Amino acid sequence: MKIGSQQHRASAISSSDERTILVRGRDLCAELLGRITFTDHVWLLVRGELPDAAQRRVLDAALVAIAEHGLVPSVQASRMTLAAAPEALQGAVAAGILGCGSVILGASQAAGELLEALRARAQAQPLDEAAADLVREYRAAGRAVPGYGHPLHKDYDPRARRLLEIARDAGTHGAYAQAALAIERALPGITGKPLAMNVSGAIPAVLLDAGYPLLALRGVPILARTAGLIAHLLEERNRPIGFVLAHAGATAIEYDGPAPQGFRPSDR
């Protein structure tokens, strides 16, 4: 059954023959292997061209910043999956990645879309005024402003601050970072409390300024966190805590549904 347009029947990412493997038009073995970094390769795959030194540095920093963040829900899901299915490393990694959404990991994409919207508005009005208007619209619609606020890093997220410093040093700090800072300035007067830019707000700011595509933003935390998950799963095999996490989750929740007279839940 035909679904959607089928006019385009080609891909420009890779191909091969008996002697050559092409990636974005470059010979994998002769031009890439041993000559470029993995960060370079990510940029090449996504953008179709190799990054310059500044772009490499910014993307590399973004990947390092988000690769690991402790026993967050995605890591717990991954470790508990491996505990239940120790033969399925790929399934455990997938379990963690499937938790990438608007709260965990996926906020960078939403924050990037917010910055893009602000940049468009700032063509017709002062940046700070446009930022305040946009934040008010989000609040009126009951929407959280993505990329701002953190349960632990109240005053500032050290990762966000460092990423902006790196972008400035690399010479890529530009309109998107300025838009992100304008939103940060607008938030206290509208929400009544300071909401500092977090790492999910800084990542799109620095990457978009460096020329990384908006539609591929969510892939950056997914790619980075995959490395962190693999580390947790290796540790799970050597120092297992998956069932400890499962037990802790079960004991933290009380049963309050119907029960026969005299029923008492076990301590598990």
C-alpha atoms as a PDB file:
ATOM      1  CA  MET A   1       0.000   0.000   0.000  1.00  0.00           C
ATOM      2  CA  LYS A   2       1.408   3.377  -0.987  1.00  0.00           C
ATOM      3  CA  ILE A   3       1.491   5.877   1.890  1.00  0.00           C
ATOM      4  CA  GLY A   4       2.738   9.401   1.264  1.00  0.00           C
ATOM      5  CA  SER A   5       4.908  10.733  -1.525  1.00  0.00           C
ATOM      6  CA  GLN A   6       7.356   8.303  -3.125  1.00  0.00           C
ATOM      7  CA  GLN A   7       8.972  10.676  -5.586  1.00  0.00           C
ATOM      8  CA  HIS A   8      12.353  10.660  -3.820  1.00  0.00           C
ATOM      9  CA  ARG A   9      14.191   7.347  -4.057  1.00  0.00           C
ATOM     10  CA  ALA A  10      17.741   8.235  -3.117  1.00  0.00           C
ATOM     11  CA  SER A  11      19.977   8.867  -0.118  1.00  0.00           C
ATOM     12  CA  ALA A  12      23.121  10.981   0.001  1.00  0.00           C
ATOM     13  CA  ILE A  13      24.583   9.563   3.204  1.00  0.00           C
ATOM     14  CA  SER A  14      26.470   6.415   2.208  1.00  0.00           C
ATOM     15  CA  SER A  15      27.143   3.827  -0.475  1.00  0.00           C
ATOM     16  CA  SER A  16      29.760   1.230  -1.341  1.00  0.00           C
ATOM     17  CA  ASP A  17      31.236  -0.975  -4.015  1.00  0.00           C
ATOM     18  CA  GLU A  18      33.730  -3.847  -3.824  1.00  0.00           C
ATOM     19  CA  ARG A  19      36.645  -1.572  -2.956  1.00  0.00           C
ATOM     20  CA  THR A  20      35.249   1.635  -1.511  1.00  0.00           C
ATOM     21  CA  ILE A  21      32.841   2.614   1.247  1.00  0.00           C
ATOM     22  CA  LEU A  22      31.535   6.147   0.876  1.00  0.00           C
ATOM     23  CA  VAL A  23      30.231   8.278   3.739  1.00  0.00           C
ATOM     24  CA  ARG A  24      28.876  11.636   2.619  1.00  0.00           C
ATOM     25  CA  GLY A  25      30.970  11.339  -0.527  1.00  0.00           C
ATOM     26  CA  ARG A  26      34.220  10.613   1.317  1.00  0.00           C
ATOM     27  CA  ASP A  27      36.201   7.396   1.251  1.00  0.00           C
ATOM     28  CA  LEU A  28      35.722   5.899   4.718  1.00  0.00           C
ATOM     29  CA  CYS A  29      39.056   4.081   4.819  1.00  0.00           C
ATOM     30  CA  ALA A  30      41.245   6.506   2.871  1.00  0.00           C
ATOM     31  CA  GLU A  31      39.876   9.828   4.145  1.00  0.00           C
ATOM     32  CA  LEU A  32      38.147   9.271   7.474  1.00  0.00           C
ATOM     33  CA  LEU A  33      39.443   6.288   9.478  1.00  0.00           C
ATOM     34  CA  GLY A  34      42.378   7.367  11.600  1.00  0.00           C
ATOM     35  CA  ARG A  35      42.103  10.942  10.340  1.00  0.00           C
ATOM     36  CA  ILE A  36      39.012  12.387  12.003  1.00  0.00           C
ATOM     37  CA  THR A  37      37.459  12.171  15.467  1.00  0.00           C
ATOM     38  CA  PHE A  38      34.092  10.633  16.255  1.00  0.00           C
ATOM     39  CA  THR A  39      32.754  14.144  16.885  1.00  0.00           C
ATOM     40  CA  ASP A  40      33.903  15.101  13.374  1.00  0.00           C
ATOM     41  CA  HIS A  41      32.116  12.063  12.014  1.00  0.00           C
ATOM     42  CA  VAL A  42      28.864  12.955  13.769  1.00  0.00           C
ATOM     43  CA  TRP A  43      28.982  16.428  12.252  1.00  0.00           C
ATOM     44  CA  LEU A  44      29.814  14.999   8.833  1.00  0.00           C
ATOM     45  CA  LEU A  45      26.929  12.535   8.980  1.00  0.00           C
ATOM     46  CA  VAL A  46      24.408  15.160  10.080  1.00  0.00           C
ATOM     47  CA  ARG A  47      25.576  18.172   8.068  1.00  0.00           C
ATOM     48  CA  GLY A  48      27.242  16.497   5.088  1.00  0.00           C
ATOM     49  CA  GLU A  49      30.516  18.340   5.658  1.00  0.00           C
ATOM     50  CA  LEU A  50      33.345  18.198   8.152  1.00  0.00           C
ATOM     51  CA  PRO A  51      33.272  20.751  10.986  1.00  0.00           C
ATOM     52  CA  ASP A  52      35.817  23.475  11.421  1.00  0.00           C
ATOM     53  CA  ALA A  53      37.783  23.632  14.672  1.00  0.00           C
ATOM     54  CA  ALA A  54      35.199  25.820  16.435  1.00  0.00           C
ATOM     55  CA  GLN A  55      32.259  23.637  15.422  1.00  0.00           C
ATOM     56  CA  ARG A  56      34.112  20.504  16.528  1.00  0.00           C
ATOM     57  CA  ARG A  57      34.885  22.018  19.916  1.00  0.00           C
ATOM     58  CA  VAL A  58      31.318  23.116  20.573  1.00  0.00           C
ATOM     59  CA  LEU A  59      29.726  19.820  19.545  1.00  0.00           C
ATOM     60  CA  ASP A  60      32.307  17.856  21.507  1.00  0.00           C
ATOM     61  CA  ALA A  61      31.612  19.943  24.606  1.00  0.00           C
ATOM     62  CA  ALA A  62      27.855  19.470  24.256  1.00  0.00           C
ATOM     63  CA  LEU A  63      28.279  15.701  24.009  1.00  0.00           C
ATOM     64  CA  VAL A  64      30.524  15.594  27.069  1.00  0.00           C
ATOM     65  CA  ALA A  65      28.171  17.821  29.065  1.00  0.00           C
ATOM     66  CA  ILE A  66      25.128  15.561  28.777  1.00  0.00           C
ATOM     67  CA  ALA A  67      26.610  12.050  28.622  1.00  0.00           C
ATOM     68  CA  GLU A  68      26.236  11.292  32.324  1.00  0.00           C
ATOM     69  CA  HIS A  69      23.936  12.563  35.072  1.00  0.00           C
ATOM     70  CA  GLY A  70      23.701   9.808  37.665  1.00  0.00           C
ATOM     71  CA  LEU A  71      20.828   7.453  38.377  1.00  0.00           C
ATOM     72  CA  VAL A  72      18.168   9.379  36.467  1.00  0.00           C
ATOM     73  CA  PRO A  73      15.014   7.487  35.373  1.00  0.00           C
ATOM     74  CA  SER A  74      16.429   6.500  31.984  1.00  0.00           C
ATOM     75  CA  VAL A  75      19.490   4.953  33.645  1.00  0.00           C
ATOM     76  CA  GLN A  76      17.370   3.142  36.211  1.00  0.00           C
ATOM     77  CA  ALA A  77      15.158   1.709  33.469  1.00  0.00           C
ATOM     78  CA  SER A  78      18.239   0.587  31.570  1.00  0.00           C
ATOM     79  CA  ARG A  79      19.890  -1.087  34.575  1.00  0.00           C
ATOM     80  CA  MET A  80      16.692  -2.830  35.679  1.00  0.00           C
ATOM     81  CA  THR A  81      16.155  -4.096  32.131  1.00  0.00           C
ATOM     82  CA  LEU A  82      19.645  -5.614  32.061  1.00  0.00           C
ATOM     83  CA  ALA A  83      19.049  -7.181  35.478  1.00  0.00           C
ATOM     84  CA  ALA A  84      15.953  -8.884  34.079  1.00  0.00           C
ATOM     85  CA  ALA A  85      17.488  -9.744  30.685  1.00  0.00           C
ATOM     86  CA  PRO A  86      21.299  -9.908  31.092  1.00  0.00           C
ATOM     87  CA  GLU A  87      21.712 -11.265  27.573  1.00  0.00           C
ATOM     88  CA  ALA A  88      20.150  -8.171  25.981  1.00  0.00           C
ATOM     89  CA  LEU A  89      22.546  -5.243  26.244  1.00  0.00           C
ATOM     90  CA  GLN A  90      20.931  -3.626  23.218  1.00  0.00           C
ATOM     91  CA  GLY A  91      17.504  -3.929  24.819  1.00  0.00           C
ATOM     92  CA  ALA A  92      18.751  -2.321  28.010  1.00  0.00           C
ATOM     93  CA  VAL A  93      20.292   0.583  26.095  1.00  0.00           C
ATOM     94  CA  ALA A  94      17.054   0.974  24.144  1.00  0.00           C
ATOM     95  CA  ALA A  95      15.023   0.983  27.365  1.00  0.00           C
ATOM     96  CA  GLY A  96      17.029   3.962  28.572  1.00  0.00           C
ATOM     97  CA  ILE A  97      16.868   5.838  25.284  1.00  0.00           C
ATOM     98  CA  LEU A  98      13.114   5.343  24.995  1.00  0.00           C
ATOM     99  CA  GLY A  99      12.787   7.587  28.043  1.00  0.00           C
ATOM    100  CA  CYS A 100      14.019  10.579  26.051  1.00  0.00           C
ATOM    101  CA  GLY A 101      11.151  13.048  26.185  1.00  0.00           C
ATOM    102  CA  SER A 102      10.098  16.543  27.138  1.00  0.00           C
ATOM    103  CA  VAL A 103      11.354  16.215  30.737  1.00  0.00           C
ATOM    104  CA  ILE A 104      14.493  14.082  30.359  1.00  0.00           C
ATOM    105  CA  LEU A 105      16.917  14.594  27.430  1.00  0.00           C
ATOM    106  CA  GLY A 106      14.328  15.755  24.903  1.00  0.00           C
ATOM    107  CA  ALA A 107      14.104  19.301  26.267  1.00  0.00           C
ATOM    108  CA  SER A 108      17.008  20.455  24.073  1.00  0.00           C
ATOM    109  CA  GLN A 109      14.845  20.096  20.974  1.00  0.00           C
ATOM    110  CA  ALA A 110      11.990  22.056  22.532  1.00  0.00           C
ATOM    111  CA  ALA A 111      14.391  24.719  23.786  1.00  0.00           C
ATOM    112  CA  GLY A 112      15.888  25.004  20.320  1.00  0.00           C
ATOM    113  CA  GLU A 113      12.442  25.578  18.840  1.00  0.00           C
ATOM    114  CA  LEU A 114      11.833  28.257  21.492  1.00  0.00           C
ATOM    115  CA  LEU A 115      15.067  30.032  20.550  1.00  0.00           C
ATOM    116  CA  GLU A 116      14.187  29.806  16.864  1.00  0.00           C
ATOM    117  CA  ALA A 117      10.801  31.387  17.550  1.00  0.00           C
ATOM    118  CA  LEU A 118      12.409  34.167  19.559  1.00  0.00           C
ATOM    119  CA  ARG A 119      14.954  34.891  16.862  1.00  0.00           C
ATOM    120  CA  ALA A 120      12.132  35.283  14.339  1.00  0.00           C
ATOM    121  CA  ARG A 121      10.251  37.698  16.610  1.00  0.00           C
ATOM    122  CA  ALA A 122      13.367  39.706  17.318  1.00  0.00           C
ATOM    123  CA  GLN A 123      13.456  40.720  13.676  1.00  0.00           C
ATOM    124  CA  ALA A 124      10.489  43.000  14.363  1.00  0.00           C
ATOM    125  CA  GLN A 125      10.994  44.123  17.978  1.00  0.00           C
ATOM    126  CA  PRO A 126      13.786  44.485  20.566  1.00  0.00           C
ATOM    127  CA  LEU A 127      15.149  41.153  21.761  1.00  0.00           C
ATOM    128  CA  ASP A 128      14.331  41.574  25.461  1.00  0.00           C
ATOM    129  CA  GLU A 129      10.800  42.740  24.657  1.00  0.00           C
ATOM    130  CA  ALA A 130      10.254  39.782  22.320  1.00  0.00           C
ATOM    131  CA  ALA A 131      11.617  37.394  24.964  1.00  0.00           C
ATOM    132  CA  ALA A 132       9.222  38.732  27.607  1.00  0.00           C
ATOM    133  CA  ASP A 133       6.255  38.459  25.241  1.00  0.00           C
ATOM    134  CA  LEU A 134       7.135  34.887  24.342  1.00  0.00           C
ATOM    135  CA  VAL A 135       7.568  33.830  27.961  1.00  0.00           C
ATOM    136  CA  ARG A 136       4.173  35.371  28.829  1.00  0.00           C
ATOM    137  CA  GLU A 137       2.563  33.408  26.010  1.00  0.00           C
ATOM    138  CA  TYR A 138       4.079  30.174  27.276  1.00  0.00           C
ATOM    139  CA  ARG A 139       2.864  30.923  30.789  1.00  0.00           C
ATOM    140  CA  ALA A 140      -0.633  31.854  29.620  1.00  0.00           C
ATOM    141  CA  ALA A 141      -0.859  28.565  27.748  1.00  0.00           C
ATOM    142  CA  GLY A 142       0.286  26.629  30.819  1.00  0.00           C
ATOM    143  CA  ARG A 143       3.489  25.548  29.087  1.00  0.00           C
ATOM    144  CA  ALA A 144       6.817  25.192  30.845  1.00  0.00           C
ATOM    145  CA  VAL A 145       9.611  27.253  29.326  1.00  0.00           C
ATOM    146  CA  PRO A 146      11.999  24.524  28.112  1.00  0.00           C
ATOM    147  CA  GLY A 147      15.660  24.842  28.980  1.00  0.00           C
ATOM    148  CA  TYR A 148      15.268  26.796  32.223  1.00  0.00           C
ATOM    149  CA  GLY A 149      15.177  25.785  35.872  1.00  0.00           C
ATOM    150  CA  HIS A 150      16.756  22.817  37.641  1.00  0.00           C
ATOM    151  CA  PRO A 151      15.860  21.019  40.888  1.00  0.00           C
ATOM    152  CA  LEU A 152      19.485  21.063  42.084  1.00  0.00           C
ATOM    153  CA  HIS A 153      21.277  23.894  40.279  1.00  0.00           C
ATOM    154  CA  LYS A 154      19.182  26.819  41.500  1.00  0.00           C
ATOM    155  CA  ASP A 155      21.484  29.796  40.954  1.00  0.00           C
ATOM    156  CA  TYR A 156      23.048  28.529  37.746  1.00  0.00           C
ATOM    157  CA  ASP A 157      23.717  25.257  35.967  1.00  0.00           C
ATOM    158  CA  PRO A 158      27.518  24.953  35.822  1.00  0.00           C
ATOM    159  CA  ARG A 159      27.284  22.970  32.586  1.00  0.00           C
ATOM    160  CA  ALA A 160      25.301  25.723  30.887  1.00  0.00           C
ATOM    161  CA  ARG A 161      27.701  28.395  32.059  1.00  0.00           C
ATOM    162  CA  ARG A 162      30.704  26.416  30.813  1.00  0.00           C
ATOM    163  CA  LEU A 163      29.140  25.695  27.417  1.00  0.00           C
ATOM    164  CA  LEU A 164      28.518  29.397  26.864  1.00  0.00           C
ATOM    165  CA  GLU A 165      32.111  30.135  27.874  1.00  0.00           C
ATOM    166  CA  ILE A 166      33.391  27.570  25.373  1.00  0.00           C
ATOM    167  CA  ALA A 167      31.244  29.066  22.612  1.00  0.00           C
ATOM    168  CA  ARG A 168      32.610  32.523  23.339  1.00  0.00           C
ATOM    169  CA  ASP A 169      36.171  31.228  23.333  1.00  0.00           C
ATOM    170  CA  ALA A 170      35.564  29.334  20.089  1.00  0.00           C
ATOM    171  CA  GLY A 171      34.107  32.426  18.440  1.00  0.00           C
ATOM    172  CA  THR A 172      30.692  30.912  17.732  1.00  0.00           C
ATOM    173  CA  HIS A 173      28.691  32.711  20.445  1.00  0.00           C
ATOM    174  CA  GLY A 174      25.961  34.515  18.535  1.00  0.00           C
ATOM    175  CA  ALA A 175      22.274  35.258  18.109  1.00  0.00           C
ATOM    176  CA  TYR A 176      20.943  32.026  19.605  1.00  0.00           C
ATOM    177  CA  ALA A 177      23.015  32.381  22.775  1.00  0.00           C
ATOM    178  CA  GLN A 178      21.870  35.989  23.040  1.00  0.00           C
ATOM    179  CA  ALA A 179      18.266  34.830  22.682  1.00  0.00           C
ATOM    180  CA  ALA A 180      18.770  32.220  25.408  1.00  0.00           C
ATOM    181  CA  LEU A 181      20.193  34.843  27.767  1.00  0.00           C
ATOM    182  CA  ALA A 182      17.322  37.210  26.978  1.00  0.00           C
ATOM    183  CA  ILE A 183      14.804  34.574  28.061  1.00  0.00           C
ATOM    184  CA  GLU A 184      16.783  34.025  31.262  1.00  0.00           C
ATOM    185  CA  ARG A 185      16.596  37.763  31.964  1.00  0.00           C
ATOM    186  CA  ALA A 186      12.852  37.847  31.306  1.00  0.00           C
ATOM    187  CA  LEU A 187      11.860  34.926  33.522  1.00  0.00           C
ATOM    188  CA  PRO A 188      12.217  36.407  37.055  1.00  0.00           C
ATOM    189  CA  GLY A 189       9.952  39.367  36.401  1.00  0.00           C
ATOM    190  CA  ILE A 190       7.242  37.181  34.858  1.00  0.00           C
ATOM    191  CA  THR A 191       7.404  34.032  36.994  1.00  0.00           C
ATOM    192  CA  GLY A 192       8.336  35.731  40.260  1.00  0.00           C
ATOM    193  CA  LYS A 193      11.422  33.580  40.696  1.00  0.00           C
ATOM    194  CA  PRO A 194      14.767  33.173  38.954  1.00  0.00           C
ATOM    195  CA  LEU A 195      14.922  30.243  36.566  1.00  0.00           C
ATOM    196  CA  ALA A 196      18.480  29.820  35.391  1.00  0.00           C
ATOM    197  CA  MET A 197      19.292  28.396  31.994  1.00  0.00           C
ATOM    198  CA  ASN A 198      20.012  24.684  32.326  1.00  0.00           C
ATOM    199  CA  VAL A 199      22.133  22.443  30.138  1.00  0.00           C
ATOM    200  CA  SER A 200      19.159  21.660  27.884  1.00  0.00           C
ATOM    201  CA  GLY A 201      18.855  25.362  27.133  1.00  0.00           C
ATOM    202  CA  ALA A 202      22.572  25.909  26.602  1.00  0.00           C
ATOM    203  CA  ILE A 203      23.049  22.969  24.224  1.00  0.00           C
ATOM    204  CA  PRO A 204      20.734  24.311  21.481  1.00  0.00           C
ATOM    205  CA  ALA A 205      22.036  27.848  22.018  1.00  0.00           C
ATOM    206  CA  VAL A 206      25.660  26.930  21.352  1.00  0.00           C
ATOM    207  CA  LEU A 207      24.974  24.301  18.701  1.00  0.00           C
ATOM    208  CA  LEU A 208      22.590  26.405  16.627  1.00  0.00           C
ATOM    209  CA  ASP A 209      25.074  29.264  16.712  1.00  0.00           C
ATOM    210  CA  ALA A 210      27.727  26.842  15.445  1.00  0.00           C
ATOM    211  CA  GLY A 211      25.541  25.793  12.509  1.00  0.00           C
ATOM    212  CA  TYR A 212      24.101  22.518  13.802  1.00  0.00           C
ATOM    213  CA  PRO A 213      20.618  21.824  12.351  1.00  0.00           C
ATOM    214  CA  LEU A 214      17.577  22.429  14.538  1.00  0.00           C
ATOM    215  CA  LEU A 215      15.813  19.229  13.490  1.00  0.00           C
ATOM    216  CA  ALA A 216      18.734  17.083  14.660  1.00  0.00           C
ATOM    217  CA  LEU A 217      19.053  18.604  18.143  1.00  0.00           C
ATOM    218  CA  ARG A 218      17.347  15.769  19.990  1.00  0.00           C
ATOM    219  CA  GLY A 219      19.927  13.381  18.578  1.00  0.00           C
ATOM    220  CA  VAL A 220      22.747  15.064  20.532  1.00  0.00           C
ATOM    221  CA  PRO A 221      21.589  14.070  24.050  1.00  0.00           C
ATOM    222  CA  ILE A 222      20.489  10.676  22.738  1.00  0.00           C
ATOM    223  CA  LEU A 223      23.943  10.041  21.287  1.00  0.00           C
ATOM    224  CA  ALA A 224      25.727  11.347  24.375  1.00  0.00           C
ATOM    225  CA  ARG A 225      23.591   9.497  26.887  1.00  0.00           C
ATOM    226  CA  THR A 226      24.086   6.228  24.995  1.00  0.00           C
ATOM    227  CA  ALA A 227      27.729   6.335  26.083  1.00  0.00           C
ATOM    228  CA  GLY A 228      26.672   6.910  29.680  1.00  0.00           C
ATOM    229  CA  LEU A 229      24.197   4.051  29.533  1.00  0.00           C
ATOM    230  CA  ILE A 230      26.851   1.653  28.267  1.00  0.00           C
ATOM    231  CA  ALA A 231      29.032   2.606  31.244  1.00  0.00           C
ATOM    232  CA  HIS A 232      26.155   1.987  33.659  1.00  0.00           C
ATOM    233  CA  LEU A 233      25.397  -1.354  32.034  1.00  0.00           C
ATOM    234  CA  LEU A 234      29.000  -2.478  32.294  1.00  0.00           C
ATOM    235  CA  GLU A 235      28.893  -1.549  35.969  1.00  0.00           C
ATOM    236  CA  GLU A 236      25.561  -3.360  36.302  1.00  0.00           C
ATOM    237  CA  ARG A 237      27.216  -6.565  35.132  1.00  0.00           C
ATOM    238  CA  ASN A 238      30.110  -6.186  37.557  1.00  0.00           C
ATOM    239  CA  ARG A 239      28.345  -4.493  40.479  1.00  0.00           C
ATOM    240  CA  PRO A 240      24.605  -5.135  40.006  1.00  0.00           C
ATOM    241  CA  ILE A 241      22.049  -2.797  41.562  1.00  0.00           C
ATOM    242  CA  GLY A 242      19.174  -3.279  39.118  1.00  0.00           C
ATOM    243  CA  PHE A 243      17.093  -5.371  41.499  1.00  0.00           C
ATOM    244  CA  VAL A 244      18.012  -3.032  44.362  1.00  0.00           C
ATOM    245  CA  LEU A 245      16.526  -0.178  42.335  1.00  0.00           C
ATOM    246  CA  ALA A 246      13.427  -2.241  41.584  1.00  0.00           C
ATOM    247  CA  HIS A 247      12.999  -3.142  45.260  1.00  0.00           C
ATOM    248  CA  ALA A 248      13.491   0.461  46.350  1.00  0.00           C
ATOM    249  CA  GLY A 249      10.820   1.562  43.887  1.00  0.00           C
ATOM    250  CA  ALA A 250       8.369  -1.047  45.136  1.00  0.00           C
ATOM    251  CA  THR A 251       8.892  -0.249  48.820  1.00  0.00           C
ATOM    252  CA  ALA A 252       8.541   3.500  48.200  1.00  0.00           C
ATOM    253  CA  ILE A 253       4.966   3.096  46.951  1.00  0.00           C
ATOM    254  CA  GLU A 254       2.014   2.248  49.183  1.00  0.00           C
ATOM    255  CA  TYR A 255      -1.020   0.256  48.015  1.00  0.00           C
ATOM    256  CA  ASP A 256      -4.272   2.164  48.551  1.00  0.00           C
ATOM    257  CA  GLY A 257      -6.655   0.133  46.410  1.00  0.00           C
ATOM    258  CA  PRO A 258      -9.492  -2.182  47.502  1.00  0.00           C
ATOM    259  CA  ALA A 259      -8.502  -5.105  49.761  1.00  0.00           C
ATOM    260  CA  PRO A 260     -10.277  -7.781  51.817  1.00  0.00           C
ATOM    261  CA  GLN A 261     -10.666  -7.194  55.545  1.00  0.00           C
ATOM    262  CA  GLY A 262      -7.496  -7.951  57.444  1.00  0.00           C
ATOM    263  CA  PHE A 263      -5.225  -7.681  54.413  1.00  0.00           C
ATOM    264  CA  ARG A 264      -1.788  -6.304  55.164  1.00  0.00           C
ATOM    265  CA  PRO A 265       0.732  -5.761  52.354  1.00  0.00           C
ATOM    266  CA  SER A 266       4.007  -7.564  52.855  1.00  0.00           C
ATOM    267  CA  ASP A 267       7.232  -5.673  53.453  1.00  0.00           C
ATOM    268  CA  ARG A 268       8.517  -7.093  50.157  1.00  0.00           C
END
